[in-house]
Every structure is written in structure tokens, then in C-alpha cells.
Amino acid sequence: GKYNAAAVGEVNVVNQMKATEAVIGGEGNGGIIYPASHYGRDALVGIGLFLTHLAKFGKSISMLRATYPNYYISKNKIELTPEIDVDKILLEI
């Protein structure tokens, strides 16, 4: 598949999905947007897709999970002060 990034926010994700004719999308919070159903974040659609995939896999959830690589999301809040040179930090990143 092809990955397309969008600005944060459901409306931005939906606009990007429409522009690129994406078959599925979502946000980091786990919200699923599935145009075959509708262009809105929908937890029930996500659950349905997962359960369908699990049924086709034919094994336990833990066995399905073991087929995917481990990954971690680290969300940290950084207090910015006037003394911090944000431009310098972004250049270094």
C-alpha cells in the first residue's frame, strides 16, 4: 500500500483521504476512517474490521499480535521558555 500523511485533525485526514482516494485512514489515537462505510471516525467500524481480520486469520489474538513488529509511541510534553532556541532544536532533529 501507499502511505500519505495529513495534518492532525479528522477533517484534515478526511480531506487528504479524498484527495488520494485512500481506502482506509485514521489518526494516532486509534480512530479509524473507512470510506467504504463513511468518512467519519468510527470505533465500531474499526472493531468490525479487526474481528473480520481475526476470523480470517483463524487463530488467537495473541498469535495474530505476534505476527506484527513491536513499536512504541512516546508522547512527551516539553515546556518551552524564551531561553529555548526552537529553531536550533528542529534543525538538529
PDB file of N, CA and C in Angstrom:
ATOM      1  N   GLY A   1       0.812  -1.181   0.000  1.00  0.00           N
ATOM      2  CA  GLY A   1       0.000   0.000   0.000  1.00  0.00           C
ATOM      3  C   GLY A   1       0.855   1.244   0.000  1.00  0.00           C
ATOM      4  N   LYS A   2       0.211   2.349  -0.159  1.00  0.00           N
ATOM      5  CA  LYS A   2       0.886   3.643  -0.179  1.00  0.00           C
ATOM      6  C   LYS A   2       0.434   4.447   1.029  1.00  0.00           C
ATOM      7  N   TYR A   3       1.369   5.074   1.712  1.00  0.00           N
ATOM      8  CA  TYR A   3       1.104   5.884   2.898  1.00  0.00           C
ATOM      9  C   TYR A   3       1.090   7.361   2.529  1.00  0.00           C
ATOM     10  N   ASN A   4       0.075   8.068   3.006  1.00  0.00           N
ATOM     11  CA  ASN A   4       0.005   9.516   2.836  1.00  0.00           C
ATOM     12  C   ASN A   4      -0.234  10.145   4.200  1.00  0.00           C
ATOM     13  N   ALA A   5       0.558  11.143   4.536  1.00  0.00           N
ATOM     14  CA  ALA A   5       0.394  11.842   5.807  1.00  0.00           C
ATOM     15  C   ALA A   5      -0.536  13.036   5.620  1.00  0.00           C
ATOM     16  N   ALA A   6      -1.200  13.409   6.712  1.00  0.00           N
ATOM     17  CA  ALA A   6      -2.073  14.580   6.712  1.00  0.00           C
ATOM     18  C   ALA A   6      -1.836  15.347   8.004  1.00  0.00           C
ATOM     19  N   ALA A   7      -2.244  16.590   8.004  1.00  0.00           N
ATOM     20  CA  ALA A   7      -2.183  17.387   9.227  1.00  0.00           C
ATOM     21  C   ALA A   7      -3.105  16.757  10.268  1.00  0.00           C
ATOM     22  N   VAL A   8      -2.821  17.013  11.523  1.00  0.00           N
ATOM     23  CA  VAL A   8      -3.627  16.473  12.612  1.00  0.00           C
ATOM     24  C   VAL A   8      -5.053  17.006  12.528  1.00  0.00           C
ATOM     25  N   GLY A   9      -6.001  16.150  12.839  1.00  0.00           N
ATOM     26  CA  GLY A   9      -7.406  16.539  12.845  1.00  0.00           C
ATOM     27  C   GLY A   9      -8.199  15.736  11.835  1.00  0.00           C
ATOM     28  N   GLU A  10      -9.368  15.299  12.260  1.00  0.00           N
ATOM     29  CA  GLU A  10     -10.200  14.434  11.407  1.00  0.00           C
ATOM     30  C   GLU A  10     -10.506  15.061  10.055  1.00  0.00           C
ATOM     31  N   VAL A  11     -10.835  16.334  10.026  1.00  0.00           N
ATOM     32  CA  VAL A  11     -11.171  16.985   8.758  1.00  0.00           C
ATOM     33  C   VAL A  11      -9.968  16.988   7.816  1.00  0.00           C
ATOM     34  N   ASN A  12      -8.764  17.179   8.348  1.00  0.00           N
ATOM     35  CA  ASN A  12      -7.558  17.166   7.511  1.00  0.00           C
ATOM     36  C   ASN A  12      -7.276  15.773   6.977  1.00  0.00           C
ATOM     37  N   VAL A  13      -7.473  14.772   7.827  1.00  0.00           N
ATOM     38  CA  VAL A  13      -7.262  13.389   7.394  1.00  0.00           C
ATOM     39  C   VAL A  13      -8.265  13.031   6.302  1.00  0.00           C
ATOM     40  N   VAL A  14      -9.517  13.366   6.502  1.00  0.00           N
ATOM     41  CA  VAL A  14     -10.559  13.064   5.509  1.00  0.00           C
ATOM     42  C   VAL A  14     -10.263  13.768   4.189  1.00  0.00           C
ATOM     43  N   ASN A  15      -9.889  15.036   4.240  1.00  0.00           N
ATOM     44  CA  ASN A  15      -9.561  15.762   3.002  1.00  0.00           C
ATOM     45  C   ASN A  15      -8.413  15.105   2.261  1.00  0.00           C
ATOM     46  N   GLN A  16      -7.381  14.680   2.993  1.00  0.00           N
ATOM     47  CA  GLN A  16      -6.238  14.003   2.373  1.00  0.00           C
ATOM     48  C   GLN A  16      -6.665  12.657   1.798  1.00  0.00           C
ATOM     49  N   MET A  17      -7.526  11.943   2.524  1.00  0.00           N
ATOM     50  CA  MET A  17      -8.008  10.653   2.039  1.00  0.00           C
ATOM     51  C   MET A  17      -8.792  10.812   0.738  1.00  0.00           C
ATOM     52  N   LYS A  18      -9.646  11.820   0.682  1.00  0.00           N
ATOM     53  CA  LYS A  18     -10.424  12.066  -0.540  1.00  0.00           C
ATOM     54  C   LYS A  18      -9.503  12.444  -1.697  1.00  0.00           C
ATOM     55  N   ALA A  19      -8.507  13.285  -1.426  1.00  0.00           N
ATOM     56  CA  ALA A  19      -7.587  13.737  -2.474  1.00  0.00           C
ATOM     57  C   ALA A  19      -6.751  12.594  -3.037  1.00  0.00           C
ATOM     58  N   THR A  20      -6.462  11.587  -2.204  1.00  0.00           N
ATOM     59  CA  THR A  20      -5.598  10.480  -2.634  1.00  0.00           C
ATOM     60  C   THR A  20      -6.366   9.177  -2.852  1.00  0.00           C
ATOM     61  N   GLU A  21      -7.700   9.248  -2.714  1.00  0.00           N
ATOM     62  CA  GLU A  21      -8.563   8.069  -2.880  1.00  0.00           C
ATOM     63  C   GLU A  21      -8.126   6.925  -1.959  1.00  0.00           C
ATOM     64  N   ALA A  22      -7.826   7.264  -0.708  1.00  0.00           N
ATOM     65  CA  ALA A  22      -7.383   6.276   0.277  1.00  0.00           C
ATOM     66  C   ALA A  22      -8.514   5.302   0.598  1.00  0.00           C
ATOM     67  N   VAL A  23      -8.152   4.041   0.862  1.00  0.00           N
ATOM     68  CA  VAL A  23      -9.149   3.021   1.195  1.00  0.00           C
ATOM     69  C   VAL A  23      -9.379   2.914   2.699  1.00  0.00           C
ATOM     70  N   ILE A  24      -8.450   3.434   3.497  1.00  0.00           N
ATOM     71  CA  ILE A  24      -8.594   3.456   4.955  1.00  0.00           C
ATOM     72  C   ILE A  24      -7.681   4.536   5.503  1.00  0.00           C
ATOM     73  N   GLY A  25      -8.054   5.087   6.628  1.00  0.00           N
ATOM     74  CA  GLY A  25      -7.228   6.110   7.248  1.00  0.00           C
ATOM     75  C   GLY A  25      -7.524   6.192   8.736  1.00  0.00           C
ATOM     76  N   GLY A  26      -6.879   7.120   9.384  1.00  0.00           N
ATOM     77  CA  GLY A  26      -7.109   7.281  10.806  1.00  0.00           C
ATOM     78  C   GLY A  26      -6.100   8.211  11.423  1.00  0.00           C
ATOM     79  N   GLU A  27      -6.139   8.255  12.747  1.00  0.00           N
ATOM     80  CA  GLU A  27      -5.232   9.107  13.497  1.00  0.00           C
ATOM     81  C   GLU A  27      -4.515   8.275  14.550  1.00  0.00           C
ATOM     82  N   GLY A  28      -3.484   8.848  15.130  1.00  0.00           N
ATOM     83  CA  GLY A  28      -2.676   8.149  16.119  1.00  0.00           C
ATOM     84  C   GLY A  28      -3.438   7.717  17.352  1.00  0.00           C
ATOM     85  N   ASN A  29      -4.593   8.310  17.581  1.00  0.00           N
ATOM     86  CA  ASN A  29      -5.384   7.935  18.748  1.00  0.00           C
ATOM     87  C   ASN A  29      -6.148   6.629  18.531  1.00  0.00           C
ATOM     88  N   GLY A  30      -6.005   6.044  17.343  1.00  0.00           N
ATOM     89  CA  GLY A  30      -6.683   4.783  17.056  1.00  0.00           C
ATOM     90  C   GLY A  30      -7.981   4.943  16.299  1.00  0.00           C
ATOM     91  N   GLY A  31      -8.378   6.163  16.016  1.00  0.00           N
ATOM     92  CA  GLY A  31      -9.616   6.389  15.269  1.00  0.00           C
ATOM     93  C   GLY A  31      -9.489   5.895  13.831  1.00  0.00           C
ATOM     94  N   ILE A  32     -10.450   5.086  13.398  1.00  0.00           N
ATOM     95  CA  ILE A  32     -10.446   4.518  12.047  1.00  0.00           C
ATOM     96  C   ILE A  32     -11.428   5.285  11.169  1.00  0.00           C
ATOM     97  N   ILE A  33     -11.010   5.612   9.961  1.00  0.00           N
ATOM     98  CA  ILE A  33     -11.885   6.218   8.960  1.00  0.00           C
ATOM     99  C   ILE A  33     -11.878   5.283   7.763  1.00  0.00           C
ATOM    100  N   TYR A  34     -13.051   4.755   7.439  1.00  0.00           N
ATOM    101  CA  TYR A  34     -13.181   3.733   6.397  1.00  0.00           C
ATOM    102  C   TYR A  34     -14.212   4.201   5.374  1.00  0.00           C
ATOM    103  N   PRO A  35     -13.748   4.800   4.260  1.00  0.00           N
ATOM    104  CA  PRO A  35     -14.667   5.388   3.288  1.00  0.00           C
ATOM    105  C   PRO A  35     -15.724   4.429   2.729  1.00  0.00           C
ATOM    106  N   ALA A  36     -15.447   3.136   2.706  1.00  0.00           N
ATOM    107  CA  ALA A  36     -16.452   2.181   2.217  1.00  0.00           C
ATOM    108  C   ALA A  36     -17.695   2.213   3.104  1.00  0.00           C
ATOM    109  N   SER A  37     -17.527   2.655   4.352  1.00  0.00           N
ATOM    110  CA  SER A  37     -18.646   2.809   5.283  1.00  0.00           C
ATOM    111  C   SER A  37     -19.120   4.265   5.282  1.00  0.00           C
ATOM    112  N   HIS A  38     -18.207   5.181   5.636  1.00  0.00           N
ATOM    113  CA  HIS A  38     -18.469   6.618   5.620  1.00  0.00           C
ATOM    114  C   HIS A  38     -17.187   7.351   6.003  1.00  0.00           C
ATOM    115  N   TYR A  39     -17.174   8.663   5.755  1.00  0.00           N
ATOM    116  CA  TYR A  39     -15.991   9.482   6.052  1.00  0.00           C
ATOM    117  C   TYR A  39     -16.073  10.092   7.449  1.00  0.00           C
ATOM    118  N   GLY A  40     -16.157   9.270   8.455  1.00  0.00           N
ATOM    119  CA  GLY A  40     -16.133   9.741   9.832  1.00  0.00           C
ATOM    120  C   GLY A  40     -15.381   8.733  10.671  1.00  0.00           C
ATOM    121  N   ARG A  41     -14.770   9.211  11.732  1.00  0.00           N
ATOM    122  CA  ARG A  41     -14.083   8.294  12.648  1.00  0.00           C
ATOM    123  C   ARG A  41     -15.130   7.405  13.287  1.00  0.00           C
ATOM    124  N   ASP A  42     -14.883   6.103  13.297  1.00  0.00           N
ATOM    125  CA  ASP A  42     -15.909   5.180  13.759  1.00  0.00           C
ATOM    126  C   ASP A  42     -15.280   3.982  14.454  1.00  0.00           C
ATOM    127  N   ALA A  43     -15.397   3.937  15.780  1.00  0.00           N
ATOM    128  CA  ALA A  43     -14.820   2.837  16.555  1.00  0.00           C
ATOM    129  C   ALA A  43     -15.464   1.501  16.204  1.00  0.00           C
ATOM    130  N   LEU A  44     -16.766   1.488  15.961  1.00  0.00           N
ATOM    131  CA  LEU A  44     -17.446   0.227  15.636  1.00  0.00           C
ATOM    132  C   LEU A  44     -16.964  -0.344  14.304  1.00  0.00           C
ATOM    133  N   VAL A  45     -16.711   0.516  13.336  1.00  0.00           N
ATOM    134  CA  VAL A  45     -16.155   0.042  12.063  1.00  0.00           C
ATOM    135  C   VAL A  45     -14.776  -0.559  12.302  1.00  0.00           C
ATOM    136  N   GLY A  46     -13.961   0.097  13.126  1.00  0.00           N
ATOM    137  CA  GLY A  46     -12.632  -0.432  13.452  1.00  0.00           C
ATOM    138  C   GLY A  46     -12.718  -1.794  14.119  1.00  0.00           C
ATOM    139  N   ILE A  47     -13.649  -1.945  15.046  1.00  0.00           N
ATOM    140  CA  ILE A  47     -13.842  -3.233  15.723  1.00  0.00           C
ATOM    141  C   ILE A  47     -14.278  -4.292  14.718  1.00  0.00           C
ATOM    142  N   GLY A  48     -15.207  -3.927  13.836  1.00  0.00           N
ATOM    143  CA  GLY A  48     -15.667  -4.868  12.813  1.00  0.00           C
ATOM    144  C   GLY A  48     -14.548  -5.316  11.887  1.00  0.00           C
ATOM    145  N   LEU A  49     -13.701  -4.376  11.470  1.00  0.00           N
ATOM    146  CA  LEU A  49     -12.568  -4.724  10.608  1.00  0.00           C
ATOM    147  C   LEU A  49     -11.597  -5.651  11.335  1.00  0.00           C
ATOM    148  N   PHE A  50     -11.334  -5.338  12.602  1.00  0.00           N
ATOM    149  CA  PHE A  50     -10.422  -6.175  13.376  1.00  0.00           C
ATOM    150  C   PHE A  50     -10.980  -7.582  13.548  1.00  0.00           C
ATOM    151  N   LEU A  51     -12.253  -7.690  13.931  1.00  0.00           N
ATOM    152  CA  LEU A  51     -12.844  -9.017  14.151  1.00  0.00           C
ATOM    153  C   LEU A  51     -12.911  -9.827  12.861  1.00  0.00           C
ATOM    154  N   THR A  52     -13.178  -9.166  11.734  1.00  0.00           N
ATOM    155  CA  THR A  52     -13.165  -9.851  10.437  1.00  0.00           C
ATOM    156  C   THR A  52     -11.778 -10.391  10.137  1.00  0.00           C
ATOM    157  N   HIS A  53     -10.761  -9.572  10.362  1.00  0.00           N
ATOM    158  CA  HIS A  53      -9.370  -9.995  10.135  1.00  0.00           C
ATOM    159  C   HIS A  53      -9.005 -11.166  11.052  1.00  0.00           C
ATOM    160  N   LEU A  54      -9.409 -11.064  12.316  1.00  0.00           N
ATOM    161  CA  LEU A  54      -9.125 -12.128  13.279  1.00  0.00           C
ATOM    162  C   LEU A  54      -9.802 -13.431  12.868  1.00  0.00           C
ATOM    163  N   ALA A  55     -11.045 -13.357  12.421  1.00  0.00           N
ATOM    164  CA  ALA A  55     -11.771 -14.562  11.992  1.00  0.00           C
ATOM    165  C   ALA A  55     -11.093 -15.204  10.788  1.00  0.00           C
ATOM    166  N   LYS A  56     -10.638 -14.394   9.832  1.00  0.00           N
ATOM    167  CA  LYS A  56      -9.942 -14.931   8.655  1.00  0.00           C
ATOM    168  C   LYS A  56      -8.585 -15.522   9.029  1.00  0.00           C
ATOM    169  N   PHE A  57      -7.936 -14.937  10.034  1.00  0.00           N
ATOM    170  CA  PHE A  57      -6.643 -15.442  10.499  1.00  0.00           C
ATOM    171  C   PHE A  57      -6.808 -16.817  11.134  1.00  0.00           C
ATOM    172  N   GLY A  58      -7.904 -17.005  11.850  1.00  0.00           N
ATOM    173  CA  GLY A  58      -8.241 -18.321  12.389  1.00  0.00           C
ATOM    174  C   GLY A  58      -7.471 -18.769  13.618  1.00  0.00           C
ATOM    175  N   LYS A  59      -6.796 -17.851  14.261  1.00  0.00           N
ATOM    176  CA  LYS A  59      -6.038 -18.191  15.470  1.00  0.00           C
ATOM    177  C   LYS A  59      -6.346 -17.154  16.539  1.00  0.00           C
ATOM    178  N   SER A  60      -5.689 -17.251  17.692  1.00  0.00           N
ATOM    179  CA  SER A  60      -5.960 -16.336  18.805  1.00  0.00           C
ATOM    180  C   SER A  60      -5.433 -14.937  18.523  1.00  0.00           C
ATOM    181  N   ILE A  61      -5.937 -13.992  19.305  1.00  0.00           N
ATOM    182  CA  ILE A  61      -5.465 -12.605  19.193  1.00  0.00           C
ATOM    183  C   ILE A  61      -3.969 -12.532  19.475  1.00  0.00           C
ATOM    184  N   SER A  62      -3.508 -13.257  20.490  1.00  0.00           N
ATOM    185  CA  SER A  62      -2.081 -13.195  20.831  1.00  0.00           C
ATOM    186  C   SER A  62      -1.220 -13.752  19.690  1.00  0.00           C
ATOM    187  N   MET A  63      -1.714 -14.765  18.993  1.00  0.00           N
ATOM    188  CA  MET A  63      -0.950 -15.302  17.856  1.00  0.00           C
ATOM    189  C   MET A  63      -0.940 -14.307  16.699  1.00  0.00           C
ATOM    190  N   LEU A  64      -2.052 -13.625  16.485  1.00  0.00           N
ATOM    191  CA  LEU A  64      -2.092 -12.592  15.451  1.00  0.00           C
ATOM    192  C   LEU A  64      -1.133 -11.459  15.802  1.00  0.00           C
ATOM    193  N   ARG A  65      -1.176 -11.013  17.054  1.00  0.00           N
ATOM    194  CA  ARG A  65      -0.296  -9.929  17.508  1.00  0.00           C
ATOM    195  C   ARG A  65       1.181 -10.279  17.314  1.00  0.00           C
ATOM    196  N   ALA A  66       1.517 -11.532  17.533  1.00  0.00           N
ATOM    197  CA  ALA A  66       2.910 -11.978  17.404  1.00  0.00           C
ATOM    198  C   ALA A  66       3.428 -11.873  15.967  1.00  0.00           C
ATOM    199  N   THR A  67       2.532 -11.731  15.004  1.00  0.00           N
ATOM    200  CA  THR A  67       2.963 -11.624  13.605  1.00  0.00           C
ATOM    201  C   THR A  67       3.381 -10.199  13.234  1.00  0.00           C
ATOM    202  N   TYR A  68       3.150  -9.248  14.133  1.00  0.00           N
ATOM    203  CA  TYR A  68       3.476  -7.848  13.858  1.00  0.00           C
ATOM    204  C   TYR A  68       4.697  -7.414  14.661  1.00  0.00           C
ATOM    205  N   PRO A  69       5.476  -6.459  14.141  1.00  0.00           N
ATOM    206  CA  PRO A  69       6.640  -5.982  14.898  1.00  0.00           C
ATOM    207  C   PRO A  69       6.200  -5.157  16.112  1.00  0.00           C
ATOM    208  N   ASN A  70       7.064  -5.090  17.102  1.00  0.00           N
ATOM    209  CA  ASN A  70       6.816  -4.248  18.264  1.00  0.00           C
ATOM    210  C   ASN A  70       7.105  -2.801  17.904  1.00  0.00           C
ATOM    211  N   TYR A  71       6.314  -1.912  18.424  1.00  0.00           N
ATOM    212  CA  TYR A  71       6.563  -0.489  18.261  1.00  0.00           C
ATOM    213  C   TYR A  71       6.046   0.234  19.493  1.00  0.00           C
ATOM    214  N   TYR A  72       6.520   1.439  19.685  1.00  0.00           N
ATOM    215  CA  TYR A  72       6.140   2.218  20.850  1.00  0.00           C
ATOM    216  C   TYR A  72       5.890   3.655  20.434  1.00  0.00           C
ATOM    217  N   ILE A  73       4.929   4.275  21.053  1.00  0.00           N
ATOM    218  CA  ILE A  73       4.669   5.695  20.850  1.00  0.00           C
ATOM    219  C   ILE A  73       5.056   6.399  22.143  1.00  0.00           C
ATOM    220  N   SER A  74       5.884   7.409  22.016  1.00  0.00           N
ATOM    221  CA  SER A  74       6.288   8.185  23.180  1.00  0.00           C
ATOM    222  C   SER A  74       5.779   9.610  23.004  1.00  0.00           C
ATOM    223  N   LYS A  75       4.860   9.998  23.857  1.00  0.00           N
ATOM    224  CA  LYS A  75       4.326  11.356  23.800  1.00  0.00           C
ATOM    225  C   LYS A  75       4.802  12.097  25.041  1.00  0.00           C
ATOM    226  N   ASN A  76       5.583  13.126  24.810  1.00  0.00           N
ATOM    227  CA  ASN A  76       6.148  13.893  25.912  1.00  0.00           C
ATOM    228  C   ASN A  76       5.820  15.375  25.734  1.00  0.00           C
ATOM    229  N   LYS A  77       5.523  16.024  26.825  1.00  0.00           N
ATOM    230  CA  LYS A  77       5.256  17.451  26.792  1.00  0.00           C
ATOM    231  C   LYS A  77       6.539  18.190  27.161  1.00  0.00           C
ATOM    232  N   ILE A  78       6.871  19.171  26.365  1.00  0.00           N
ATOM    233  CA  ILE A  78       8.061  19.969  26.611  1.00  0.00           C
ATOM    234  C   ILE A  78       7.614  21.413  26.842  1.00  0.00           C
ATOM    235  N   GLU A  79       7.978  21.932  27.995  1.00  0.00           N
ATOM    236  CA  GLU A  79       7.660  23.326  28.301  1.00  0.00           C
ATOM    237  C   GLU A  79       8.667  24.228  27.600  1.00  0.00           C
ATOM    238  N   LEU A  80       8.186  25.072  26.718  1.00  0.00           N
ATOM    239  CA  LEU A  80       9.062  25.995  26.010  1.00  0.00           C
ATOM    240  C   LEU A  80       9.159  27.303  26.776  1.00  0.00           C
ATOM    241  N   THR A  81      10.373  27.761  26.902  1.00  0.00           N
ATOM    242  CA  THR A  81      10.627  29.045  27.560  1.00  0.00           C
ATOM    243  C   THR A  81      11.323  29.961  26.556  1.00  0.00           C
ATOM    244  N   PRO A  82      11.349  31.238  26.815  1.00  0.00           N
ATOM    245  CA  PRO A  82      12.021  32.166  25.889  1.00  0.00           C
ATOM    246  C   PRO A  82      13.494  31.834  25.666  1.00  0.00           C
ATOM    247  N   GLU A  83      14.112  31.137  26.626  1.00  0.00           N
ATOM    248  CA  GLU A  83      15.536  30.817  26.507  1.00  0.00           C
ATOM    249  C   GLU A  83      15.801  29.655  25.536  1.00  0.00           C
ATOM    250  N   ILE A  84      14.776  28.897  25.188  1.00  0.00           N
ATOM    251  CA  ILE A  84      14.953  27.726  24.318  1.00  0.00           C
ATOM    252  C   ILE A  84      14.913  28.165  22.861  1.00  0.00           C
ATOM    253  N   ASP A  85      15.932  27.775  22.116  1.00  0.00           N
ATOM    254  CA  ASP A  85      16.019  28.084  20.690  1.00  0.00           C
ATOM    255  C   ASP A  85      15.358  26.948  19.899  1.00  0.00           C
ATOM    256  N   VAL A  86      14.056  27.087  19.656  1.00  0.00           N
ATOM    257  CA  VAL A  86      13.280  26.037  18.994  1.00  0.00           C
ATOM    258  C   VAL A  86      13.812  25.771  17.591  1.00  0.00           C
ATOM    259  N   ASP A  87      14.160  26.825  16.858  1.00  0.00           N
ATOM    260  CA  ASP A  87      14.683  26.637  15.502  1.00  0.00           C
ATOM    261  C   ASP A  87      15.938  25.784  15.490  1.00  0.00           C
ATOM    262  N   LYS A  88      16.811  25.997  16.448  1.00  0.00           N
ATOM    263  CA  LYS A  88      18.042  25.199  16.554  1.00  0.00           C
ATOM    264  C   LYS A  88      17.714  23.736  16.844  1.00  0.00           C
ATOM    265  N   ILE A  89      16.785  23.505  17.753  1.00  0.00           N
ATOM    266  CA  ILE A  89      16.404  22.137  18.087  1.00  0.00           C
ATOM    267  C   ILE A  89      15.826  21.435  16.877  1.00  0.00           C
ATOM    268  N   LEU A  90      14.947  22.102  16.136  1.00  0.00           N
ATOM    269  CA  LEU A  90      14.344  21.486  14.949  1.00  0.00           C
ATOM    270  C   LEU A  90      15.382  21.196  13.878  1.00  0.00           C
ATOM    271  N   LEU A  91      16.370  22.069  13.728  1.00  0.00           N
ATOM    272  CA  LEU A  91      17.435  21.806  12.763  1.00  0.00           C
ATOM    273  C   LEU A  91      18.247  20.580  13.148  1.00  0.00           C
ATOM    274  N   GLU A  92      18.465  20.402  14.457  1.00  0.00           N
ATOM    275  CA  GLU A  92      19.231  19.257  14.917  1.00  0.00           C
ATOM    276  C   GLU A  92      18.455  17.958  14.768  1.00  0.00           C
ATOM    277  N   ILE A  93      17.164  18.046  14.916  1.00  0.00           N
ATOM    278  CA  ILE A  93      16.326  16.833  14.762  1.00  0.00           C
ATOM    279  C   ILE A  93      16.327  16.429  13.310  1.00  0.00           C
TER     280      ILE A  93
END
